[in-house]
All heavy atoms as atom14 arrays in JSON, in Angstrom:
{
  "sequence": "AAHPERSYIFWTYTLETYRRILAICDFEIETVRDDTYRAFSPLAV",
  "atom14_mask": [
    [1, 1, 1, 1, 1, 0, 0, 0, 0, 0, 0, 0, 0, 0],
    [1, 1, 1, 1, 1, 0, 0, 0, 0, 0, 0, 0, 0, 0],
    [1, 1, 1, 1, 1, 1, 1, 1, 1, 1, 0, 0, 0, 0],
    [1, 1, 1, 1, 1, 1, 1, 0, 0, 0, 0, 0, 0, 0],
    [1, 1, 1, 1, 1, 1, 1, 1, 1, 0, 0, 0, 0, 0],
    [1, 1, 1, 1, 1, 1, 1, 1, 1, 1, 1, 0, 0, 0],
    [1, 1, 1, 1, 1, 1, 0, 0, 0, 0, 0, 0, 0, 0],
    [1, 1, 1, 1, 1, 1, 1, 1, 1, 1, 1, 1, 0, 0],
    [1, 1, 1, 1, 1, 1, 1, 1, 0, 0, 0, 0, 0, 0],
    [1, 1, 1, 1, 1, 1, 1, 1, 1, 1, 1, 0, 0, 0],
    [1, 1, 1, 1, 1, 1, 1, 1, 1, 1, 1, 1, 1, 1],
    [1, 1, 1, 1, 1, 1, 1, 0, 0, 0, 0, 0, 0, 0],
    [1, 1, 1, 1, 1, 1, 1, 1, 1, 1, 1, 1, 0, 0],
    [1, 1, 1, 1, 1, 1, 1, 0, 0, 0, 0, 0, 0, 0],
    [1, 1, 1, 1, 1, 1, 1, 1, 0, 0, 0, 0, 0, 0],
    [1, 1, 1, 1, 1, 1, 1, 1, 1, 0, 0, 0, 0, 0],
    [1, 1, 1, 1, 1, 1, 1, 0, 0, 0, 0, 0, 0, 0],
    [1, 1, 1, 1, 1, 1, 1, 1, 1, 1, 1, 1, 0, 0],
    [1, 1, 1, 1, 1, 1, 1, 1, 1, 1, 1, 0, 0, 0],
    [1, 1, 1, 1, 1, 1, 1, 1, 1, 1, 1, 0, 0, 0],
    [1, 1, 1, 1, 1, 1, 1, 1, 0, 0, 0, 0, 0, 0],
    [1, 1, 1, 1, 1, 1, 1, 1, 0, 0, 0, 0, 0, 0],
    [1, 1, 1, 1, 1, 0, 0, 0, 0, 0, 0, 0, 0, 0],
    [1, 1, 1, 1, 1, 1, 1, 1, 0, 0, 0, 0, 0, 0],
    [1, 1, 1, 1, 1, 1, 0, 0, 0, 0, 0, 0, 0, 0],
    [1, 1, 1, 1, 1, 1, 1, 1, 0, 0, 0, 0, 0, 0],
    [1, 1, 1, 1, 1, 1, 1, 1, 1, 1, 1, 0, 0, 0],
    [1, 1, 1, 1, 1, 1, 1, 1, 1, 0, 0, 0, 0, 0],
    [1, 1, 1, 1, 1, 1, 1, 1, 0, 0, 0, 0, 0, 0],
    [1, 1, 1, 1, 1, 1, 1, 1, 1, 0, 0, 0, 0, 0],
    [1, 1, 1, 1, 1, 1, 1, 0, 0, 0, 0, 0, 0, 0],
    [1, 1, 1, 1, 1, 1, 1, 0, 0, 0, 0, 0, 0, 0],
    [1, 1, 1, 1, 1, 1, 1, 1, 1, 1, 1, 0, 0, 0],
    [1, 1, 1, 1, 1, 1, 1, 1, 0, 0, 0, 0, 0, 0],
    [1, 1, 1, 1, 1, 1, 1, 1, 0, 0, 0, 0, 0, 0],
    [1, 1, 1, 1, 1, 1, 1, 0, 0, 0, 0, 0, 0, 0],
    [1, 1, 1, 1, 1, 1, 1, 1, 1, 1, 1, 1, 0, 0],
    [1, 1, 1, 1, 1, 1, 1, 1, 1, 1, 1, 0, 0, 0],
    [1, 1, 1, 1, 1, 0, 0, 0, 0, 0, 0, 0, 0, 0],
    [1, 1, 1, 1, 1, 1, 1, 1, 1, 1, 1, 0, 0, 0],
    [1, 1, 1, 1, 1, 1, 0, 0, 0, 0, 0, 0, 0, 0],
    [1, 1, 1, 1, 1, 1, 1, 0, 0, 0, 0, 0, 0, 0],
    [1, 1, 1, 1, 1, 1, 1, 1, 0, 0, 0, 0, 0, 0],
    [1, 1, 1, 1, 1, 0, 0, 0, 0, 0, 0, 0, 0, 0],
    [1, 1, 1, 1, 1, 1, 1, 0, 0, 0, 0, 0, 0, 0]
  ],
  "atom14_positions": [
    [[-17.1, -3.78, 14.3], [-18.37, -4.57, 14.26], [-19.49, -3.81, 13.59], [-20.45, -4.43, 13.08], [-18.77, -4.93, 15.73], [0.0, 0.0, 0.0], [0.0, 0.0, 0.0], [0.0, 0.0, 0.0], [0.0, 0.0, 0.0], [0.0, 0.0, 0.0], [0.0, 0.0, 0.0], [0.0, 0.0, 0.0], [0.0, 0.0, 0.0], [0.0, 0.0, 0.0]],
    [[-19.43, -2.49, 13.53], [-20.5, -1.74, 12.85], [-20.3, -1.73, 11.28], [-21.21, -1.19, 10.63], [-20.47, -0.27, 13.37], [0.0, 0.0, 0.0], [0.0, 0.0, 0.0], [0.0, 0.0, 0.0], [0.0, 0.0, 0.0], [0.0, 0.0, 0.0], [0.0, 0.0, 0.0], [0.0, 0.0, 0.0], [0.0, 0.0, 0.0], [0.0, 0.0, 0.0]],
    [[-19.2, -2.26, 10.81], [-18.93, -2.21, 9.38], [-18.54, -3.57, 8.85], [-17.38, -3.79, 8.47], [-17.86, -1.19, 9.09], [-18.29, 0.22, 9.33], [-19.12, 0.93, 8.46], [-18.04, 1.08, 10.36], [-19.35, 2.14, 8.96], [-18.71, 2.26, 10.12], [0.0, 0.0, 0.0], [0.0, 0.0, 0.0], [0.0, 0.0, 0.0], [0.0, 0.0, 0.0]],
    [[-19.46, -4.47, 8.76], [-19.15, -5.86, 8.22], [-18.77, -5.8, 6.77], [-18.12, -6.73, 6.29], [-20.46, -6.61, 8.45], [-21.54, -5.56, 8.55], [-20.89, -4.4, 9.19], [0.0, 0.0, 0.0], [0.0, 0.0, 0.0], [0.0, 0.0, 0.0], [0.0, 0.0, 0.0], [0.0, 0.0, 0.0], [0.0, 0.0, 0.0], [0.0, 0.0, 0.0]],
    [[-19.11, -4.73, 6.06], [-18.75, -4.62, 4.61], [-17.23, -4.41, 4.46], [-16.73, -4.54, 3.34], [-19.52, -3.49, 3.94], [-19.07, -2.08, 4.24], [-19.55, -1.54, 5.62], [-20.23, -2.31, 6.34], [-19.27, -0.38, 5.95], [0.0, 0.0, 0.0], [0.0, 0.0, 0.0], [0.0, 0.0, 0.0], [0.0, 0.0, 0.0], [0.0, 0.0, 0.0]],
    [[-16.54, -4.12, 5.54], [-15.08, -3.92, 5.47], [-14.35, -5.14, 6.03], [-13.27, -5.01, 6.6], [-14.71, -2.66, 6.25], [-15.35, -1.39, 5.74], [-14.95, -0.22, 6.62], [-15.71, 0.98, 6.24], [-15.73, 2.12, 6.97], [-15.02, 2.14, 8.08], [-16.47, 3.16, 6.59], [0.0, 0.0, 0.0], [0.0, 0.0, 0.0], [0.0, 0.0, 0.0]],
    [[-14.89, -6.27, 5.8], [-14.34, -7.5, 6.39], [-13.0, -7.9, 5.77], [-12.31, -8.79, 6.28], [-15.31, -8.67, 6.2], [-15.54, -8.93, 4.81], [0.0, 0.0, 0.0], [0.0, 0.0, 0.0], [0.0, 0.0, 0.0], [0.0, 0.0, 0.0], [0.0, 0.0, 0.0], [0.0, 0.0, 0.0], [0.0, 0.0, 0.0], [0.0, 0.0, 0.0]],
    [[-12.59, -7.22, 4.7], [-11.34, -7.58, 4.01], [-10.2, -6.57, 4.27], [-9.18, -6.62, 3.61], [-11.63, -7.66, 2.48], [-12.21, -6.36, 1.91], [-11.36, -5.37, 1.37], [-13.57, -6.15, 1.93], [-11.93, -4.17, 0.92], [-14.13, -4.98, 1.45], [-13.31, -4.0, 0.95], [-13.86, -2.83, 0.45], [0.0, 0.0, 0.0], [0.0, 0.0, 0.0]],
    [[-10.36, -5.68, 5.22], [-9.31, -4.75, 5.58], [-8.89, -4.96, 7.02], [-9.69, -4.85, 7.94], [-9.8, -3.29, 5.39], [-10.35, -3.08, 3.98], [-8.67, -2.28, 5.72], [-10.96, -1.68, 3.75], [0.0, 0.0, 0.0], [0.0, 0.0, 0.0], [0.0, 0.0, 0.0], [0.0, 0.0, 0.0], [0.0, 0.0, 0.0], [0.0, 0.0, 0.0]],
    [[-7.58, -5.28, 7.2], [-7.16, -5.68, 8.53], [-6.31, -4.62, 9.25], [-6.72, -4.14, 10.28], [-6.29, -6.99, 8.36], [-7.07, -8.19, 8.0], [-7.39, -8.47, 6.68], [-7.48, -9.1, 8.98], [-8.13, -9.57, 6.31], [-8.22, -10.23, 8.62], [-8.54, -10.46, 7.3], [0.0, 0.0, 0.0], [0.0, 0.0, 0.0], [0.0, 0.0, 0.0]],
    [[-5.11, -4.32, 8.74], [-4.14, -3.53, 9.47], [-3.65, -2.36, 8.62], [-3.5, -2.44, 7.45], [-2.94, -4.4, 9.86], [-3.28, -5.54, 10.74], [-3.4, -6.86, 10.33], [-3.5, -5.53, 12.16], [-3.75, -7.66, 11.38], [-3.79, -6.86, 12.55], [-3.52, -4.57, 13.09], [-4.05, -7.23, 13.84], [-3.81, -4.88, 14.41], [-4.07, -6.22, 14.75]],
    [[-3.37, -1.28, 9.35], [-2.63, -0.15, 8.81], [-1.49, 0.19, 9.75], [-1.69, 0.22, 10.95], [-3.53, 1.12, 8.61], [-4.69, 0.72, 7.9], [-2.8, 2.2, 7.85], [0.0, 0.0, 0.0], [0.0, 0.0, 0.0], [0.0, 0.0, 0.0], [0.0, 0.0, 0.0], [0.0, 0.0, 0.0], [0.0, 0.0, 0.0], [0.0, 0.0, 0.0]],
    [[-0.29, 0.48, 9.16], [0.88, 0.72, 9.98], [1.39, 2.13, 9.83], [1.04, 2.84, 8.87], [2.06, -0.2, 9.56], [1.81, -1.7, 9.76], [2.31, -2.56, 8.82], [1.13, -2.18, 10.81], [2.14, -3.97, 8.97], [0.94, -3.53, 11.02], [1.42, -4.42, 10.06], [1.22, -5.73, 10.21], [0.0, 0.0, 0.0], [0.0, 0.0, 0.0]],
    [[2.21, 2.57, 10.77], [2.97, 3.82, 10.6], [4.17, 3.5, 9.7], [4.58, 2.33, 9.52], [3.5, 4.35, 11.91], [4.32, 3.36, 12.54], [2.38, 4.73, 12.86], [0.0, 0.0, 0.0], [0.0, 0.0, 0.0], [0.0, 0.0, 0.0], [0.0, 0.0, 0.0], [0.0, 0.0, 0.0], [0.0, 0.0, 0.0], [0.0, 0.0, 0.0]],
    [[4.8, 4.56, 9.2], [5.98, 4.4, 8.36], [7.11, 3.71, 9.2], [7.87, 2.93, 8.68], [6.45, 5.74, 7.83], [7.64, 5.7, 6.88], [7.35, 4.89, 5.63], [8.05, 7.12, 6.49], [0.0, 0.0, 0.0], [0.0, 0.0, 0.0], [0.0, 0.0, 0.0], [0.0, 0.0, 0.0], [0.0, 0.0, 0.0], [0.0, 0.0, 0.0]],
    [[7.19, 4.1, 10.47], [8.25, 3.52, 11.3], [8.08, 2.02, 11.48], [9.02, 1.26, 11.51], [8.24, 4.21, 12.7], [9.29, 3.65, 13.66], [10.73, 3.78, 13.19], [10.99, 4.67, 12.35], [11.59, 3.01, 13.68], [0.0, 0.0, 0.0], [0.0, 0.0, 0.0], [0.0, 0.0, 0.0], [0.0, 0.0, 0.0], [0.0, 0.0, 0.0]],
    [[6.8, 1.54, 11.52], [6.57, 0.1, 11.57], [7.1, -0.56, 10.33], [7.81, -1.61, 10.39], [5.07, -0.2, 11.74], [4.59, 0.46, 12.91], [4.81, -1.67, 11.84], [0.0, 0.0, 0.0], [0.0, 0.0, 0.0], [0.0, 0.0, 0.0], [0.0, 0.0, 0.0], [0.0, 0.0, 0.0], [0.0, 0.0, 0.0], [0.0, 0.0, 0.0]],
    [[6.83, 0.04, 9.14], [7.33, -0.54, 7.91], [8.86, -0.48, 7.9], [9.52, -1.44, 7.45], [6.79, 0.22, 6.7], [5.43, -0.26, 6.25], [4.32, 0.51, 6.48], [5.29, -1.5, 5.68], [3.04, 0.06, 6.09], [4.06, -1.99, 5.3], [2.91, -1.19, 5.49], [1.69, -1.61, 5.11], [0.0, 0.0, 0.0], [0.0, 0.0, 0.0]],
    [[9.44, 0.59, 8.42], [10.86, 0.72, 8.43], [11.5, -0.48, 9.23], [12.5, -1.09, 8.79], [11.27, 2.04, 9.09], [12.74, 2.38, 8.9], [13.08, 3.71, 9.58], [12.18, 4.81, 9.24], [12.28, 5.53, 8.11], [13.26, 5.26, 7.29], [11.45, 6.51, 7.85], [0.0, 0.0, 0.0], [0.0, 0.0, 0.0], [0.0, 0.0, 0.0]],
    [[10.87, -0.8, 10.36], [11.44, -1.85, 11.18], [11.22, -3.25, 10.6], [12.09, -4.11, 10.68], [10.8, -1.78, 12.59], [11.19, -0.5, 13.33], [10.86, -0.55, 14.8], [11.2, 0.68, 15.5], [11.29, 0.83, 16.81], [11.08, -0.26, 17.55], [11.58, 1.96, 17.34], [0.0, 0.0, 0.0], [0.0, 0.0, 0.0], [0.0, 0.0, 0.0]],
    [[10.02, -3.45, 10.02], [9.76, -4.73, 9.38], [10.76, -4.96, 8.22], [11.35, -6.03, 8.1], [8.34, -4.77, 8.8], [7.3, -4.71, 9.94], [8.11, -6.1, 8.01], [5.88, -4.47, 9.42], [0.0, 0.0, 0.0], [0.0, 0.0, 0.0], [0.0, 0.0, 0.0], [0.0, 0.0, 0.0], [0.0, 0.0, 0.0], [0.0, 0.0, 0.0]],
    [[10.9, -3.96, 7.41], [11.83, -4.05, 6.29], [13.28, -4.27, 6.73], [14.07, -5.01, 6.12], [11.69, -2.87, 5.38], [10.41, -2.81, 4.59], [10.13, -1.34, 4.09], [10.41, -3.75, 3.44], [0.0, 0.0, 0.0], [0.0, 0.0, 0.0], [0.0, 0.0, 0.0], [0.0, 0.0, 0.0], [0.0, 0.0, 0.0], [0.0, 0.0, 0.0]],
    [[13.68, -3.62, 7.81], [15.05, -3.73, 8.33], [15.3, -5.17, 8.78], [16.39, -5.73, 8.6], [15.27, -2.76, 9.46], [0.0, 0.0, 0.0], [0.0, 0.0, 0.0], [0.0, 0.0, 0.0], [0.0, 0.0, 0.0], [0.0, 0.0, 0.0], [0.0, 0.0, 0.0], [0.0, 0.0, 0.0], [0.0, 0.0, 0.0], [0.0, 0.0, 0.0]],
    [[14.3, -5.79, 9.38], [14.42, -7.19, 9.81], [14.68, -8.05, 8.59], [15.41, -9.07, 8.71], [13.13, -7.63, 10.53], [13.02, -6.94, 11.89], [13.06, -9.11, 10.69], [11.7, -7.1, 12.56], [0.0, 0.0, 0.0], [0.0, 0.0, 0.0], [0.0, 0.0, 0.0], [0.0, 0.0, 0.0], [0.0, 0.0, 0.0], [0.0, 0.0, 0.0]],
    [[14.13, -7.71, 7.46], [14.31, -8.47, 6.24], [15.52, -8.02, 5.42], [15.7, -8.43, 4.26], [13.06, -8.36, 5.36], [11.58, -8.98, 6.16], [0.0, 0.0, 0.0], [0.0, 0.0, 0.0], [0.0, 0.0, 0.0], [0.0, 0.0, 0.0], [0.0, 0.0, 0.0], [0.0, 0.0, 0.0], [0.0, 0.0, 0.0], [0.0, 0.0, 0.0]],
    [[16.36, -7.14, 6.0], [17.62, -6.67, 5.38], [17.29, -5.66, 4.26], [18.04, -5.64, 3.25], [18.42, -7.86, 4.84], [19.91, -7.42, 4.62], [20.4, -6.59, 5.33], [20.52, -7.98, 3.69], [0.0, 0.0, 0.0], [0.0, 0.0, 0.0], [0.0, 0.0, 0.0], [0.0, 0.0, 0.0], [0.0, 0.0, 0.0], [0.0, 0.0, 0.0]],
    [[16.28, -4.86, 4.42], [15.97, -3.78, 3.47], [15.93, -2.46, 4.25], [15.59, -2.42, 5.43], [14.61, -3.99, 2.82], [14.64, -5.01, 1.7], [14.64, -6.38, 2.01], [14.72, -4.63, 0.37], [14.67, -7.32, 0.95], [14.76, -5.53, -0.65], [14.76, -6.88, -0.37], [0.0, 0.0, 0.0], [0.0, 0.0, 0.0], [0.0, 0.0, 0.0]],
    [[16.26, -1.36, 3.55], [16.13, -0.03, 4.12], [15.27, 0.82, 3.19], [15.33, 0.67, 1.99], [17.46, 0.61, 4.4], [18.26, 0.96, 3.18], [19.58, 1.66, 3.53], [19.92, 1.67, 4.7], [20.21, 2.15, 2.6], [0.0, 0.0, 0.0], [0.0, 0.0, 0.0], [0.0, 0.0, 0.0], [0.0, 0.0, 0.0], [0.0, 0.0, 0.0]],
    [[14.48, 1.71, 3.79], [13.62, 2.57, 2.99], [14.45, 3.6, 2.24], [15.27, 4.33, 2.85], [12.56, 3.24, 3.88], [11.55, 2.23, 4.37], [11.78, 4.32, 3.06], [10.48, 2.77, 5.29], [0.0, 0.0, 0.0], [0.0, 0.0, 0.0], [0.0, 0.0, 0.0], [0.0, 0.0, 0.0], [0.0, 0.0, 0.0], [0.0, 0.0, 0.0]],
    [[14.23, 3.7, 0.94], [14.99, 4.56, 0.09], [14.24, 5.86, -0.21], [14.78, 6.95, -0.08], [15.3, 3.81, -1.24], [16.29, 4.48, -2.14], [16.62, 3.59, -3.31], [15.78, 2.83, -3.77], [17.8, 3.6, -3.74], [0.0, 0.0, 0.0], [0.0, 0.0, 0.0], [0.0, 0.0, 0.0], [0.0, 0.0, 0.0], [0.0, 0.0, 0.0]],
    [[12.95, 5.7, -0.55], [12.12, 6.89, -0.79], [10.7, 6.65, -0.3], [10.23, 5.47, -0.21], [12.02, 7.22, -2.32], [11.41, 6.16, -3.02], [13.42, 7.52, -2.9], [0.0, 0.0, 0.0], [0.0, 0.0, 0.0], [0.0, 0.0, 0.0], [0.0, 0.0, 0.0], [0.0, 0.0, 0.0], [0.0, 0.0, 0.0], [0.0, 0.0, 0.0]],
    [[9.98, 7.72, 0.01], [8.59, 7.66, 0.4], [7.83, 8.73, -0.35], [8.3, 9.89, -0.42], [8.42, 7.86, 1.92], [6.95, 7.86, 2.33], [9.21, 6.85, 2.7], [0.0, 0.0, 0.0], [0.0, 0.0, 0.0], [0.0, 0.0, 0.0], [0.0, 0.0, 0.0], [0.0, 0.0, 0.0], [0.0, 0.0, 0.0], [0.0, 0.0, 0.0]],
    [[6.73, 8.39, -0.96], [5.95, 9.34, -1.76], [4.5, 9.25, -1.34], [3.93, 8.18, -1.37], [6.1, 9.07, -3.27], [5.3, 9.99, -4.14], [5.35, 9.55, -5.6], [4.54, 10.44, -6.46], [5.05, 11.46, -7.14], [6.35, 11.7, -7.08], [4.26, 12.25, -7.84], [0.0, 0.0, 0.0], [0.0, 0.0, 0.0], [0.0, 0.0, 0.0]],
    [[3.92, 10.42, -0.95], [2.49, 10.48, -0.64], [1.78, 11.11, -1.83], [2.22, 12.11, -2.38], [2.24, 11.33, 0.57], [2.83, 10.69, 1.85], [2.7, 9.46, 2.01], [3.47, 11.41, 2.64], [0.0, 0.0, 0.0], [0.0, 0.0, 0.0], [0.0, 0.0, 0.0], [0.0, 0.0, 0.0], [0.0, 0.0, 0.0], [0.0, 0.0, 0.0]],
    [[0.61, 10.53, -2.2], [-0.11, 11.06, -3.37], [-1.56, 10.65, -3.28], [-1.93, 9.93, -2.33], [0.51, 10.56, -4.65], [0.53, 11.64, -5.75], [-0.43, 12.42, -5.83], [1.47, 11.72, -6.51], [0.0, 0.0, 0.0], [0.0, 0.0, 0.0], [0.0, 0.0, 0.0], [0.0, 0.0, 0.0], [0.0, 0.0, 0.0], [0.0, 0.0, 0.0]],
    [[-2.37, 11.02, -4.23], [-3.79, 10.63, -4.29], [-4.05, 10.02, -5.66], [-3.46, 10.4, -6.64], [-4.76, 11.82, -4.05], [-4.5, 12.82, -5.03], [-4.59, 12.38, -2.65], [0.0, 0.0, 0.0], [0.0, 0.0, 0.0], [0.0, 0.0, 0.0], [0.0, 0.0, 0.0], [0.0, 0.0, 0.0], [0.0, 0.0, 0.0], [0.0, 0.0, 0.0]],
    [[-4.98, 9.08, -5.64], [-5.33, 8.34, -6.88], [-6.8, 8.2, -6.99], [-7.52, 8.13, -5.99], [-4.6, 6.95, -6.9], [-3.1, 7.04, -6.78], [-2.47, 7.02, -5.58], [-2.36, 7.18, -7.94], [-1.09, 7.16, -5.47], [-0.97, 7.31, -7.83], [-0.36, 7.29, -6.61], [1.01, 7.42, -6.51], [0.0, 0.0, 0.0], [0.0, 0.0, 0.0]],
    [[-7.27, 8.1, -8.24], [-8.69, 8.02, -8.49], [-9.23, 6.59, -8.22], [-8.73, 5.61, -8.76], [-9.0, 8.41, -9.94], [-8.73, 9.85, -10.31], [-9.1, 10.16, -11.72], [-10.56, 10.24, -11.88], [-11.26, 9.56, -12.8], [-10.67, 8.72, -13.61], [-12.59, 9.71, -12.85], [0.0, 0.0, 0.0], [0.0, 0.0, 0.0], [0.0, 0.0, 0.0]],
    [[-10.28, 6.53, -7.4], [-10.93, 5.3, -7.06], [-12.43, 5.49, -7.15], [-12.95, 6.54, -6.84], [-10.57, 4.81, -5.67], [0.0, 0.0, 0.0], [0.0, 0.0, 0.0], [0.0, 0.0, 0.0], [0.0, 0.0, 0.0], [0.0, 0.0, 0.0], [0.0, 0.0, 0.0], [0.0, 0.0, 0.0], [0.0, 0.0, 0.0], [0.0, 0.0, 0.0]],
    [[-13.11, 4.46, -7.58], [-14.59, 4.53, -7.72], [-15.25, 4.11, -6.41], [-14.87, 3.11, -5.77], [-15.09, 3.62, -8.86], [-16.55, 3.76, -9.11], [-17.03, 4.79, -9.86], [-17.42, 2.85, -8.53], [-18.41, 4.94, -10.1], [-18.77, 2.98, -8.77], [-19.3, 4.03, -9.52], [0.0, 0.0, 0.0], [0.0, 0.0, 0.0], [0.0, 0.0, 0.0]],
    [[-16.27, 4.9, -6.01], [-17.04, 4.54, -4.81], [-18.47, 4.95, -5.04], [-18.74, 6.12, -5.48], [-16.48, 5.28, -3.58], [-17.41, 5.15, -2.51], [0.0, 0.0, 0.0], [0.0, 0.0, 0.0], [0.0, 0.0, 0.0], [0.0, 0.0, 0.0], [0.0, 0.0, 0.0], [0.0, 0.0, 0.0], [0.0, 0.0, 0.0], [0.0, 0.0, 0.0]],
    [[-19.44, 4.07, -4.8], [-20.84, 4.43, -4.94], [-21.28, 5.56, -3.98], [-22.3, 6.22, -4.16], [-21.57, 3.12, -4.65], [-20.64, 2.28, -3.86], [-19.26, 2.67, -4.36], [0.0, 0.0, 0.0], [0.0, 0.0, 0.0], [0.0, 0.0, 0.0], [0.0, 0.0, 0.0], [0.0, 0.0, 0.0], [0.0, 0.0, 0.0], [0.0, 0.0, 0.0]],
    [[-20.43, 5.82, -2.95], [-20.76, 6.89, -2.02], [-20.21, 8.22, -2.42], [-20.55, 9.23, -1.82], [-20.18, 6.49, -0.6], [-20.7, 5.17, -0.01], [-20.06, 4.93, 1.34], [-22.23, 5.2, 0.13], [0.0, 0.0, 0.0], [0.0, 0.0, 0.0], [0.0, 0.0, 0.0], [0.0, 0.0, 0.0], [0.0, 0.0, 0.0], [0.0, 0.0, 0.0]],
    [[-19.36, 8.23, -3.47], [-18.78, 9.51, -3.88], [-19.8, 10.32, -4.67], [-20.75, 9.78, -5.27], [-17.54, 9.21, -4.77], [0.0, 0.0, 0.0], [0.0, 0.0, 0.0], [0.0, 0.0, 0.0], [0.0, 0.0, 0.0], [0.0, 0.0, 0.0], [0.0, 0.0, 0.0], [0.0, 0.0, 0.0], [0.0, 0.0, 0.0], [0.0, 0.0, 0.0]],
    [[-19.65, 11.62, -4.62], [-20.58, 12.52, -5.27], [-20.29, 12.54, -6.78], [-19.28, 12.05, -7.26], [-20.51, 13.95, -4.72], [-20.92, 13.95, -3.24], [-19.09, 14.52, -4.86], [0.0, 0.0, 0.0], [0.0, 0.0, 0.0], [0.0, 0.0, 0.0], [0.0, 0.0, 0.0], [0.0, 0.0, 0.0], [0.0, 0.0, 0.0], [0.0, 0.0, 0.0]]
  ]
}
């Protein structure tokens, strides 16, 4: 409620949640890669 500007962001899951959702759909996780990417933010220095 303190951040109405984030009205378009709903849910974040653990990897295990994704694993189970995908398994229900007959998929299995093959690879996982963590990385960082450049994004613009007016709050960034």
